[in-house]
Each structure stands twice: as C-alpha cells, then as structure tokens.
N, C-alpha and C. Protein backbone atom coordinates (compact mmCIF):
# COMPACT_ATOMS: atom_id res chain seq x y z
N MET A 1 0.85 -1.17 0.00
CA MET A 1 0.00 0.00 0.00
C MET A 1 0.90 1.23 0.00
N LYS A 2 0.56 2.22 -0.84
CA LYS A 2 1.36 3.43 -0.92
C LYS A 2 1.23 4.22 0.37
N LYS A 3 2.29 4.97 0.68
CA LYS A 3 2.33 5.74 1.91
C LYS A 3 1.19 6.76 1.97
N ALA A 4 0.89 7.42 0.84
CA ALA A 4 -0.16 8.44 0.80
C ALA A 4 -1.53 7.82 1.08
N SER A 5 -1.81 6.66 0.47
CA SER A 5 -3.12 6.05 0.70
C SER A 5 -3.21 5.46 2.11
N MET A 6 -2.10 5.00 2.66
CA MET A 6 -2.12 4.50 4.03
C MET A 6 -2.36 5.67 5.00
N THR A 7 -1.75 6.81 4.72
CA THR A 7 -1.97 8.00 5.55
C THR A 7 -3.42 8.44 5.43
N SER A 8 -3.98 8.38 4.25
CA SER A 8 -5.38 8.77 4.02
C SER A 8 -6.33 7.86 4.81
N VAL A 9 -6.07 6.57 4.77
CA VAL A 9 -6.90 5.62 5.53
C VAL A 9 -6.78 5.89 7.02
N LEU A 10 -5.57 6.15 7.49
CA LEU A 10 -5.35 6.43 8.91
C LEU A 10 -6.08 7.70 9.34
N ILE A 11 -5.96 8.75 8.53
CA ILE A 11 -6.65 10.02 8.85
C ILE A 11 -8.15 9.82 8.83
N SER A 12 -8.68 9.11 7.85
CA SER A 12 -10.12 8.83 7.76
C SER A 12 -10.59 8.06 8.99
N THR A 13 -9.84 7.07 9.38
CA THR A 13 -10.21 6.26 10.54
C THR A 13 -10.20 7.11 11.81
N ILE A 14 -9.19 7.94 11.97
CA ILE A 14 -9.12 8.82 13.15
C ILE A 14 -10.31 9.77 13.15
N ASN A 15 -10.65 10.35 12.00
CA ASN A 15 -11.80 11.25 11.90
C ASN A 15 -13.09 10.54 12.30
N VAL A 16 -13.28 9.34 11.79
CA VAL A 16 -14.48 8.57 12.12
C VAL A 16 -14.53 8.30 13.62
N LEU A 17 -13.41 7.90 14.20
CA LEU A 17 -13.38 7.61 15.63
C LEU A 17 -13.65 8.85 16.46
N ILE A 18 -13.10 10.00 16.04
CA ILE A 18 -13.36 11.24 16.77
C ILE A 18 -14.83 11.63 16.66
N LEU A 19 -15.38 11.55 15.44
CA LEU A 19 -16.78 11.92 15.23
C LEU A 19 -17.73 11.04 16.04
N TYR A 20 -17.39 9.77 16.19
CA TYR A 20 -18.30 8.84 16.83
C TYR A 20 -17.85 8.43 18.23
N ALA A 21 -16.85 9.11 18.76
CA ALA A 21 -16.39 8.78 20.11
C ALA A 21 -17.49 9.02 21.13
N LYS A 22 -18.28 10.07 20.93
CA LYS A 22 -19.38 10.36 21.85
C LYS A 22 -20.38 9.21 21.85
N ILE A 23 -20.73 8.69 20.67
CA ILE A 23 -21.66 7.56 20.58
C ILE A 23 -21.08 6.35 21.28
N ALA A 24 -19.78 6.11 21.09
CA ALA A 24 -19.15 4.93 21.66
C ALA A 24 -19.17 4.97 23.18
N ARG A 25 -19.16 6.18 23.76
CA ARG A 25 -19.18 6.29 25.22
C ARG A 25 -20.60 6.17 25.77
N CYS A 26 -21.60 6.32 24.92
CA CYS A 26 -22.99 6.35 25.38
C CYS A 26 -23.58 4.95 25.38
N CYS A 27 -23.97 4.51 26.52
CA CYS A 27 -24.62 3.21 26.69
C CYS A 27 -23.85 2.10 25.99
N GLY A 28 -22.56 2.12 26.16
CA GLY A 28 -21.73 1.07 25.58
C GLY A 28 -21.61 1.16 24.07
N GLY A 29 -22.06 2.27 23.48
CA GLY A 29 -21.97 2.45 22.03
C GLY A 29 -23.10 1.79 21.26
N TYR A 30 -24.17 1.39 21.93
CA TYR A 30 -25.26 0.70 21.25
C TYR A 30 -26.36 1.65 20.80
N GLU A 31 -26.97 1.29 19.71
CA GLU A 31 -28.05 2.06 19.12
C GLU A 31 -29.21 1.11 18.87
N LEU A 32 -30.41 1.55 19.19
CA LEU A 32 -31.61 0.75 18.94
C LEU A 32 -32.34 1.35 17.75
N ILE A 33 -32.51 0.56 16.72
CA ILE A 33 -33.20 1.00 15.52
C ILE A 33 -34.50 0.21 15.43
N ILE A 34 -35.62 0.91 15.59
CA ILE A 34 -36.93 0.26 15.56
C ILE A 34 -37.44 0.24 14.12
N ASP A 35 -37.69 -0.94 13.61
CA ASP A 35 -38.34 -1.06 12.30
C ASP A 35 -39.84 -0.81 12.47
N TYR A 36 -40.43 -1.50 13.45
CA TYR A 36 -41.84 -1.28 13.76
C TYR A 36 -42.20 -1.88 15.11
N ILE A 37 -43.19 -1.27 15.74
CA ILE A 37 -43.89 -1.80 16.91
C ILE A 37 -45.34 -1.56 16.57
N ARG A 38 -46.12 -2.64 16.43
CA ARG A 38 -47.49 -2.43 15.95
C ARG A 38 -48.45 -3.51 16.43
N ASN A 39 -49.70 -3.13 16.32
CA ASN A 39 -50.79 -4.08 16.55
C ASN A 39 -50.88 -4.93 15.29
N CYS A 40 -51.15 -6.21 15.44
CA CYS A 40 -51.26 -7.06 14.26
C CYS A 40 -52.66 -7.66 14.13
N ASP A 41 -53.63 -7.04 14.80
CA ASP A 41 -55.02 -7.45 14.66
C ASP A 41 -55.87 -6.19 14.82
N SER A 42 -56.80 -5.98 13.93
CA SER A 42 -57.62 -4.76 13.99
C SER A 42 -58.65 -4.81 15.12
N ASP A 43 -58.91 -5.99 15.68
CA ASP A 43 -59.89 -6.12 16.76
C ASP A 43 -59.23 -6.35 18.12
N ASN A 44 -58.03 -5.81 18.32
CA ASN A 44 -57.32 -5.99 19.59
C ASN A 44 -58.14 -5.51 20.78
N ILE A 45 -58.16 -6.31 21.82
CA ILE A 45 -58.82 -5.91 23.06
C ILE A 45 -57.89 -4.99 23.86
N ILE A 46 -56.57 -5.18 23.69
CA ILE A 46 -55.56 -4.26 24.21
C ILE A 46 -54.72 -3.86 23.01
N GLU A 47 -54.53 -2.53 22.84
CA GLU A 47 -53.76 -2.10 21.68
C GLU A 47 -52.81 -0.96 22.02
N LEU A 48 -51.82 -0.83 21.17
CA LEU A 48 -50.87 0.27 21.28
C LEU A 48 -51.35 1.40 20.38
N SER A 49 -51.14 2.65 20.83
CA SER A 49 -51.51 3.78 19.98
C SER A 49 -50.60 3.80 18.75
N ASP A 50 -51.07 4.47 17.70
CA ASP A 50 -50.30 4.53 16.45
C ASP A 50 -48.94 5.19 16.64
N ASN A 51 -48.82 6.10 17.60
CA ASN A 51 -47.56 6.81 17.80
C ASN A 51 -46.65 6.14 18.84
N PHE A 52 -46.97 4.93 19.25
CA PHE A 52 -46.18 4.24 20.28
C PHE A 52 -44.76 4.01 19.77
N ASN A 53 -43.76 4.40 20.58
CA ASN A 53 -42.38 4.15 20.18
C ASN A 53 -41.47 3.95 21.38
N VAL A 54 -40.31 3.42 21.09
CA VAL A 54 -39.29 3.14 22.10
C VAL A 54 -37.97 3.64 21.54
N ILE A 55 -37.22 4.39 22.36
CA ILE A 55 -35.94 4.95 21.91
C ILE A 55 -34.89 4.67 22.99
N LEU A 56 -33.72 4.19 22.59
CA LEU A 56 -32.58 4.05 23.49
C LEU A 56 -31.77 5.33 23.40
N LYS A 57 -31.71 6.07 24.49
CA LYS A 57 -31.01 7.36 24.51
C LYS A 57 -29.53 7.14 24.86
N PRO A 58 -28.68 8.09 24.49
CA PRO A 58 -27.24 7.95 24.77
C PRO A 58 -26.91 7.78 26.26
N ASN A 59 -27.76 8.27 27.16
CA ASN A 59 -27.49 8.15 28.59
C ASN A 59 -27.98 6.81 29.16
N CYS A 60 -28.23 5.85 28.29
CA CYS A 60 -28.67 4.50 28.68
C CYS A 60 -30.09 4.49 29.25
N GLU A 61 -30.91 5.42 28.84
CA GLU A 61 -32.31 5.39 29.22
C GLU A 61 -33.13 4.94 28.03
N VAL A 62 -34.08 4.07 28.30
CA VAL A 62 -35.03 3.67 27.26
C VAL A 62 -36.26 4.55 27.46
N HIS A 63 -36.60 5.32 26.44
CA HIS A 63 -37.77 6.20 26.50
C HIS A 63 -38.94 5.49 25.83
N PHE A 64 -40.07 5.48 26.51
CA PHE A 64 -41.31 4.93 25.98
C PHE A 64 -42.25 6.11 25.76
N ASN A 65 -42.95 6.12 24.64
CA ASN A 65 -43.89 7.19 24.37
C ASN A 65 -45.10 6.59 23.65
N GLY A 66 -46.28 7.04 24.01
CA GLY A 66 -47.50 6.55 23.38
C GLY A 66 -48.48 6.06 24.42
N CYS A 67 -49.55 5.46 23.95
CA CYS A 67 -50.61 5.00 24.85
C CYS A 67 -50.86 3.51 24.68
N ILE A 68 -51.37 2.90 25.75
CA ILE A 68 -51.82 1.51 25.73
C ILE A 68 -53.29 1.55 26.12
N ILE A 69 -54.12 1.02 25.24
CA ILE A 69 -55.56 1.09 25.42
C ILE A 69 -56.13 -0.29 25.70
N SER A 70 -56.89 -0.41 26.80
CA SER A 70 -57.60 -1.65 27.10
C SER A 70 -59.08 -1.38 26.85
N HIS A 71 -59.67 -2.12 25.91
CA HIS A 71 -61.06 -1.90 25.54
C HIS A 71 -62.05 -2.66 26.42
N ALA A 72 -61.54 -3.41 27.39
CA ALA A 72 -62.41 -4.19 28.30
C ALA A 72 -61.62 -4.49 29.57
N ASN A 73 -62.33 -4.91 30.61
CA ASN A 73 -61.67 -5.37 31.83
C ASN A 73 -61.11 -6.76 31.57
N ILE A 74 -59.85 -6.95 31.93
CA ILE A 74 -59.17 -8.23 31.70
C ILE A 74 -59.01 -8.94 33.04
N THR A 75 -59.56 -10.15 33.15
CA THR A 75 -59.42 -10.93 34.38
C THR A 75 -58.58 -12.18 34.17
N SER A 76 -58.39 -12.57 32.91
CA SER A 76 -57.54 -13.73 32.61
C SER A 76 -56.84 -13.49 31.28
N SER A 77 -55.66 -14.07 31.15
CA SER A 77 -54.86 -13.81 29.95
C SER A 77 -53.84 -14.92 29.73
N ILE A 78 -53.86 -15.50 28.55
CA ILE A 78 -52.83 -16.47 28.14
C ILE A 78 -52.14 -15.86 26.92
N THR A 79 -50.81 -15.77 26.97
CA THR A 79 -50.06 -15.17 25.88
C THR A 79 -49.17 -16.21 25.23
N GLU A 80 -49.30 -16.34 23.92
CA GLU A 80 -48.39 -17.16 23.12
C GLU A 80 -47.44 -16.19 22.44
N TYR A 81 -46.14 -16.47 22.53
CA TYR A 81 -45.16 -15.52 22.00
C TYR A 81 -44.08 -16.24 21.20
N THR A 82 -43.49 -15.47 20.31
CA THR A 82 -42.32 -15.90 19.56
C THR A 82 -41.34 -14.74 19.57
N VAL A 83 -40.10 -15.01 19.92
CA VAL A 83 -39.04 -14.01 19.91
C VAL A 83 -37.90 -14.58 19.09
N GLN A 84 -37.33 -13.75 18.25
CA GLN A 84 -36.25 -14.22 17.39
C GLN A 84 -35.11 -13.21 17.41
N LYS A 85 -33.88 -13.74 17.55
CA LYS A 85 -32.68 -12.92 17.41
C LYS A 85 -31.88 -13.52 16.27
N ASN A 86 -31.73 -12.74 15.22
CA ASN A 86 -31.10 -13.23 14.00
C ASN A 86 -31.82 -14.52 13.58
N SER A 87 -31.18 -15.66 13.57
CA SER A 87 -31.86 -16.88 13.14
C SER A 87 -32.28 -17.78 14.30
N VAL A 88 -32.02 -17.37 15.53
CA VAL A 88 -32.39 -18.16 16.70
C VAL A 88 -33.79 -17.75 17.15
N LYS A 89 -34.69 -18.74 17.23
CA LYS A 89 -36.09 -18.47 17.55
C LYS A 89 -36.48 -19.19 18.83
N MET A 90 -37.30 -18.49 19.65
CA MET A 90 -37.80 -19.08 20.88
C MET A 90 -39.29 -18.76 20.96
N SER A 91 -40.06 -19.72 21.39
CA SER A 91 -41.50 -19.45 21.54
C SER A 91 -42.01 -20.15 22.79
N GLY A 92 -43.18 -19.72 23.22
CA GLY A 92 -43.75 -20.30 24.42
C GLY A 92 -45.14 -19.77 24.69
N LYS A 93 -45.63 -20.14 25.85
CA LYS A 93 -46.98 -19.76 26.27
C LYS A 93 -46.92 -19.45 27.76
N LYS A 94 -47.51 -18.32 28.16
CA LYS A 94 -47.50 -17.91 29.57
C LYS A 94 -48.87 -17.42 29.98
N ASP A 95 -49.18 -17.64 31.25
CA ASP A 95 -50.39 -17.09 31.85
C ASP A 95 -50.03 -15.67 32.31
N GLY A 96 -50.57 -14.65 31.63
CA GLY A 96 -50.22 -13.26 31.90
C GLY A 96 -50.54 -12.82 33.31
N CYS A 97 -51.72 -13.18 33.81
CA CYS A 97 -52.09 -12.78 35.17
C CYS A 97 -51.20 -13.45 36.21
N LYS A 98 -50.87 -14.71 35.98
CA LYS A 98 -49.98 -15.42 36.90
C LYS A 98 -48.58 -14.80 36.88
N GLN A 99 -48.12 -14.39 35.69
CA GLN A 99 -46.82 -13.73 35.57
C GLN A 99 -46.81 -12.45 36.39
N LEU A 100 -47.90 -11.67 36.30
CA LEU A 100 -47.99 -10.43 37.09
C LEU A 100 -48.00 -10.74 38.58
N ASP A 101 -48.75 -11.77 38.97
CA ASP A 101 -48.82 -12.15 40.39
C ASP A 101 -47.46 -12.56 40.95
N ASN A 102 -46.59 -13.10 40.08
CA ASN A 102 -45.30 -13.62 40.53
C ASN A 102 -44.15 -12.62 40.45
N ILE A 103 -44.47 -11.36 40.12
CA ILE A 103 -43.41 -10.34 40.09
C ILE A 103 -42.92 -10.11 41.51
N LYS A 104 -41.62 -10.20 41.67
CA LYS A 104 -41.03 -10.01 43.00
C LYS A 104 -41.04 -8.52 43.37
N PRO A 105 -41.41 -8.23 44.62
CA PRO A 105 -41.37 -6.83 45.08
C PRO A 105 -39.97 -6.23 44.90
N SER A 106 -39.92 -5.00 44.50
CA SER A 106 -38.66 -4.25 44.28
C SER A 106 -37.82 -4.80 43.13
N SER A 107 -38.36 -5.70 42.31
CA SER A 107 -37.62 -6.19 41.15
C SER A 107 -37.61 -5.10 40.07
N ASP A 108 -36.73 -5.26 39.10
CA ASP A 108 -36.67 -4.30 38.00
C ASP A 108 -37.99 -4.26 37.24
N ILE A 109 -38.65 -5.40 37.12
CA ILE A 109 -39.94 -5.44 36.40
C ILE A 109 -40.99 -4.64 37.16
N GLU A 110 -41.07 -4.84 38.48
CA GLU A 110 -42.05 -4.08 39.27
C GLU A 110 -41.75 -2.59 39.20
N LYS A 111 -40.49 -2.22 39.30
CA LYS A 111 -40.11 -0.81 39.23
C LYS A 111 -40.46 -0.23 37.86
N GLY A 112 -40.23 -1.01 36.80
CA GLY A 112 -40.56 -0.55 35.45
C GLY A 112 -42.05 -0.34 35.26
N LEU A 113 -42.86 -1.29 35.74
CA LEU A 113 -44.31 -1.16 35.64
C LEU A 113 -44.80 0.05 36.43
N ASP A 114 -44.24 0.24 37.63
CA ASP A 114 -44.58 1.42 38.45
C ASP A 114 -44.26 2.71 37.70
N LEU A 115 -43.05 2.78 37.18
CA LEU A 115 -42.60 3.98 36.49
C LEU A 115 -43.48 4.29 35.27
N LEU A 116 -43.86 3.25 34.55
CA LEU A 116 -44.68 3.44 33.35
C LEU A 116 -46.16 3.63 33.69
N GLY A 117 -46.54 3.36 34.94
CA GLY A 117 -47.94 3.51 35.34
C GLY A 117 -48.82 2.38 34.83
N LEU A 118 -48.22 1.21 34.65
CA LEU A 118 -48.96 0.05 34.14
C LEU A 118 -49.37 -0.86 35.29
N PRO A 119 -50.47 -1.61 35.11
CA PRO A 119 -50.95 -2.49 36.18
C PRO A 119 -49.95 -3.59 36.52
N LYS A 120 -49.91 -3.93 37.81
CA LYS A 120 -49.03 -5.00 38.28
C LYS A 120 -49.80 -6.24 38.69
N ARG A 121 -51.10 -6.20 38.55
CA ARG A 121 -51.95 -7.35 38.92
C ARG A 121 -53.18 -7.37 38.03
N CYS A 122 -53.79 -8.51 37.93
CA CYS A 122 -55.10 -8.62 37.28
C CYS A 122 -56.15 -8.41 38.35
N PRO A 123 -57.28 -7.86 38.09
CA PRO A 123 -57.76 -7.49 36.76
C PRO A 123 -57.10 -6.21 36.26
N ILE A 124 -57.04 -6.12 34.94
CA ILE A 124 -56.59 -4.90 34.27
C ILE A 124 -57.86 -4.20 33.81
N ASN A 125 -58.07 -3.00 34.31
CA ASN A 125 -59.31 -2.29 34.03
C ASN A 125 -59.33 -1.64 32.66
N LYS A 126 -60.52 -1.58 32.10
CA LYS A 126 -60.74 -0.89 30.84
C LYS A 126 -60.24 0.54 30.98
N GLY A 127 -59.54 1.03 29.97
CA GLY A 127 -59.07 2.41 30.02
C GLY A 127 -57.81 2.60 29.19
N THR A 128 -57.28 3.79 29.26
CA THR A 128 -56.10 4.16 28.49
C THR A 128 -55.01 4.66 29.43
N VAL A 129 -53.80 4.16 29.22
CA VAL A 129 -52.63 4.65 29.94
C VAL A 129 -51.73 5.29 28.91
N CYS A 130 -51.57 6.61 29.01
CA CYS A 130 -50.65 7.32 28.12
C CYS A 130 -49.36 7.57 28.87
N LEU A 131 -48.28 7.17 28.25
CA LEU A 131 -47.00 7.21 28.93
C LEU A 131 -46.35 8.57 28.90
N GLY A 132 -46.80 9.47 28.00
CA GLY A 132 -46.04 10.71 27.83
C GLY A 132 -44.68 10.27 27.36
N ILE A 133 -43.65 10.76 27.94
CA ILE A 133 -42.32 10.21 27.69
C ILE A 133 -41.82 9.71 29.03
N LYS A 134 -41.82 8.40 29.18
CA LYS A 134 -41.35 7.76 30.42
C LYS A 134 -40.02 7.08 30.11
N SER A 135 -39.12 7.10 31.07
CA SER A 135 -37.78 6.57 30.86
C SER A 135 -37.42 5.53 31.91
N ILE A 136 -36.72 4.51 31.46
CA ILE A 136 -36.17 3.50 32.36
C ILE A 136 -34.68 3.43 32.09
N ASN A 137 -33.87 3.58 33.14
CA ASN A 137 -32.42 3.54 33.00
C ASN A 137 -31.99 2.08 32.91
N VAL A 138 -31.27 1.74 31.85
CA VAL A 138 -30.80 0.36 31.64
C VAL A 138 -29.28 0.25 31.69
N SER A 139 -28.62 1.25 32.27
CA SER A 139 -27.16 1.25 32.28
C SER A 139 -26.57 0.03 32.97
N LYS A 140 -27.27 -0.54 33.95
CA LYS A 140 -26.71 -1.72 34.62
C LYS A 140 -26.70 -2.95 33.71
N TYR A 141 -27.39 -2.87 32.56
CA TYR A 141 -27.41 -3.98 31.60
C TYR A 141 -26.48 -3.74 30.41
N LYS A 142 -25.67 -2.69 30.47
CA LYS A 142 -24.78 -2.34 29.36
C LYS A 142 -23.92 -3.50 28.89
N LEU A 143 -23.38 -4.24 29.84
CA LEU A 143 -22.49 -5.34 29.48
C LEU A 143 -23.22 -6.48 28.79
N LEU A 144 -24.52 -6.59 28.98
CA LEU A 144 -25.30 -7.65 28.34
C LEU A 144 -25.76 -7.29 26.94
N MET A 145 -25.61 -6.03 26.55
CA MET A 145 -26.11 -5.60 25.24
C MET A 145 -25.43 -6.34 24.11
N ASN A 146 -24.17 -6.69 24.30
CA ASN A 146 -23.47 -7.44 23.27
C ASN A 146 -24.14 -8.80 23.02
N VAL A 147 -24.70 -9.38 24.07
CA VAL A 147 -25.37 -10.68 23.95
C VAL A 147 -26.66 -10.57 23.15
N ILE A 148 -27.42 -9.47 23.35
CA ILE A 148 -28.69 -9.35 22.65
C ILE A 148 -28.59 -8.55 21.35
N ALA A 149 -27.41 -8.01 21.05
CA ALA A 149 -27.24 -7.24 19.81
C ALA A 149 -27.58 -8.11 18.60
N GLY A 150 -28.22 -7.51 17.63
CA GLY A 150 -28.59 -8.19 16.41
C GLY A 150 -29.97 -7.76 15.97
N HIS A 151 -30.53 -8.50 15.03
CA HIS A 151 -31.88 -8.22 14.54
C HIS A 151 -32.87 -8.98 15.44
N LEU A 152 -33.73 -8.25 16.11
CA LEU A 152 -34.67 -8.81 17.06
C LEU A 152 -36.09 -8.68 16.50
N LYS A 153 -36.86 -9.76 16.60
CA LYS A 153 -38.26 -9.74 16.17
C LYS A 153 -39.09 -10.45 17.22
N GLY A 154 -40.33 -10.05 17.34
CA GLY A 154 -41.19 -10.72 18.28
C GLY A 154 -42.66 -10.53 17.94
N LYS A 155 -43.46 -11.48 18.39
CA LYS A 155 -44.90 -11.42 18.18
C LYS A 155 -45.56 -12.08 19.37
N SER A 156 -46.63 -11.45 19.87
CA SER A 156 -47.38 -12.08 20.95
C SER A 156 -48.86 -12.02 20.62
N VAL A 157 -49.54 -13.13 20.89
CA VAL A 157 -50.98 -13.21 20.74
C VAL A 157 -51.54 -13.51 22.12
N MET A 158 -52.34 -12.59 22.63
CA MET A 158 -52.89 -12.72 23.96
C MET A 158 -54.37 -13.05 23.85
N THR A 159 -54.78 -14.12 24.50
CA THR A 159 -56.19 -14.50 24.56
C THR A 159 -56.68 -14.20 25.97
N THR A 160 -57.67 -13.31 26.06
CA THR A 160 -58.19 -12.91 27.37
C THR A 160 -59.65 -13.31 27.50
N ASN A 161 -60.21 -13.08 28.67
CA ASN A 161 -61.63 -13.34 28.89
C ASN A 161 -62.50 -12.45 27.99
N ALA A 162 -61.97 -11.34 27.50
CA ALA A 162 -62.76 -10.39 26.72
C ALA A 162 -62.46 -10.41 25.22
N GLY A 163 -61.44 -11.14 24.81
CA GLY A 163 -61.07 -11.18 23.39
C GLY A 163 -59.58 -11.36 23.22
N LYS A 164 -59.10 -11.15 21.98
CA LYS A 164 -57.69 -11.37 21.67
C LYS A 164 -56.98 -10.07 21.35
N SER A 165 -55.66 -10.13 21.47
CA SER A 165 -54.79 -9.02 21.07
C SER A 165 -53.54 -9.60 20.44
N CYS A 166 -53.04 -8.90 19.44
CA CYS A 166 -51.81 -9.31 18.77
C CYS A 166 -50.91 -8.09 18.61
N MET A 167 -49.65 -8.24 19.01
CA MET A 167 -48.66 -7.18 18.86
C MET A 167 -47.38 -7.80 18.33
N GLU A 168 -46.65 -7.01 17.52
CA GLU A 168 -45.39 -7.50 16.98
C GLU A 168 -44.39 -6.35 16.86
N PHE A 169 -43.11 -6.71 16.83
CA PHE A 169 -42.07 -5.70 16.69
C PHE A 169 -40.91 -6.27 15.89
N SER A 170 -40.14 -5.36 15.33
CA SER A 170 -38.88 -5.69 14.67
C SER A 170 -37.93 -4.55 14.97
N ALA A 171 -36.73 -4.88 15.44
CA ALA A 171 -35.75 -3.86 15.80
C ALA A 171 -34.34 -4.43 15.63
N LYS A 172 -33.39 -3.53 15.59
CA LYS A 172 -31.99 -3.92 15.55
C LYS A 172 -31.27 -3.21 16.69
N LEU A 173 -30.49 -3.96 17.45
CA LEU A 173 -29.61 -3.39 18.46
C LEU A 173 -28.21 -3.54 17.90
N VAL A 174 -27.58 -2.40 17.58
CA VAL A 174 -26.27 -2.45 16.92
C VAL A 174 -25.25 -1.64 17.70
N ASN A 175 -24.01 -2.09 17.63
CA ASN A 175 -22.91 -1.35 18.21
C ASN A 175 -22.54 -0.28 17.20
N SER A 176 -22.79 0.98 17.52
CA SER A 176 -22.59 2.10 16.59
C SER A 176 -21.14 2.22 16.14
N LEU A 177 -20.20 2.01 17.02
CA LEU A 177 -18.80 2.13 16.66
C LEU A 177 -18.42 1.06 15.64
N VAL A 178 -18.87 -0.17 15.86
CA VAL A 178 -18.58 -1.25 14.91
C VAL A 178 -19.22 -0.94 13.56
N LYS A 179 -20.45 -0.42 13.59
CA LYS A 179 -21.17 -0.08 12.36
C LYS A 179 -20.40 0.99 11.58
N VAL A 180 -19.94 2.04 12.28
CA VAL A 180 -19.24 3.15 11.62
C VAL A 180 -17.90 2.71 11.08
N VAL A 181 -17.12 2.01 11.89
CA VAL A 181 -15.80 1.54 11.46
C VAL A 181 -15.97 0.58 10.29
N GLY A 182 -16.97 -0.31 10.36
CA GLY A 182 -17.23 -1.24 9.25
C GLY A 182 -17.56 -0.51 7.97
N HIS A 183 -18.40 0.53 8.06
CA HIS A 183 -18.74 1.30 6.86
C HIS A 183 -17.53 2.06 6.31
N SER A 184 -16.67 2.60 7.20
CA SER A 184 -15.53 3.36 6.72
C SER A 184 -14.48 2.45 6.08
N VAL A 185 -14.34 1.24 6.59
CA VAL A 185 -13.36 0.30 6.02
C VAL A 185 -13.90 -0.30 4.72
N ILE A 186 -15.20 -0.65 4.71
CA ILE A 186 -15.77 -1.29 3.52
C ILE A 186 -16.06 -0.28 2.43
N GLY A 187 -16.62 0.85 2.80
CA GLY A 187 -17.14 1.70 1.76
C GLY A 187 -16.58 3.04 1.68
C-alpha cells in the first residue's frame, strides 16, 4: 500500500473515531433502531396507539412514548409468544395474570411497571394509559447488550376473557462504533 493512501486511511479512521467517540461512550456504544412496533389485529382488546415508540437514549435510558388502550376489563390472559434474534427463535406460552402475580417486590420489572404507570396485577381495568415520555435507565445492563445485539423480532398473541390481542415488533440493536468503522473500512 502506498504511503499516501495509508496515511489517508489512517486520517479517515481517526476522523471517524473522533466523530463517533461520543456515541461509543454512550450506553456502551449501542443504538436501537426500531423497524416497527405495531398491533397485528384490527380487533385488539388491548392495543398500542399509532404513535407508540421506544428509543434508546445515549445516557442509557429507554424512552417509551405513546398510549396503551384496554377496551375491556381483563381478568384472565394467556399469551403465546415468539421471539427471534437473527436466526435463533424461541417461543412459548405464559399465563399473563400469573406472571404479574409472581413479580417479585422491588424487582426491576415491578419498578418498570410502576414507572410506566402500568398495572401490576389482574384485573386490568378498561381504560387508556398514556406514557407521555417515560424513561427506564438500563445502564446496569450495558455489558449484556453485546449478547442481545442483532436483529430482534417478536410477536405475541394474547387470549383474554374479553377477546384477543396481537402485537409485533422488529428492531436492531447495533454497536454504533462497529457499524461506523465497518462502513468506513468497507465503503
């Protein structure tokens, strides 16, 4: 490789690293790219508002915005789910009310539900919970982000005493620094 082109590559790499150093320091350098979070049935008994979104902020806070609407009182719930990371798929079935009953006091899940203003027990009453912009700090999970990084997809179908609901999502959790360096080296 000629000295001039090697110097050019070195300068380009340094520029990229300087430009993205701030991203690399933020939440371990990870970025959450949401493809979609949506209802997958027009007759959902529980649904997400059209503007529902989730954002991973540089300070390691996950911001939730939008509303969750329950069109009936829910006293029982069985959820069938599928979650996929890249090509690895996992599915199962859970009793939603039993899951809520088994949340340990002071656990991260209980704290998250409290913060978001969501019910922690059944019955879930008919109504709307609008989150505004609510944040949950996930900095203590920074080291685990490498494990869940990749293309994530999920779908849940909930059968309740009042009807069914279907929700699905597709997102990518990527290491921004790796993405930038990869693009600068490849392209």
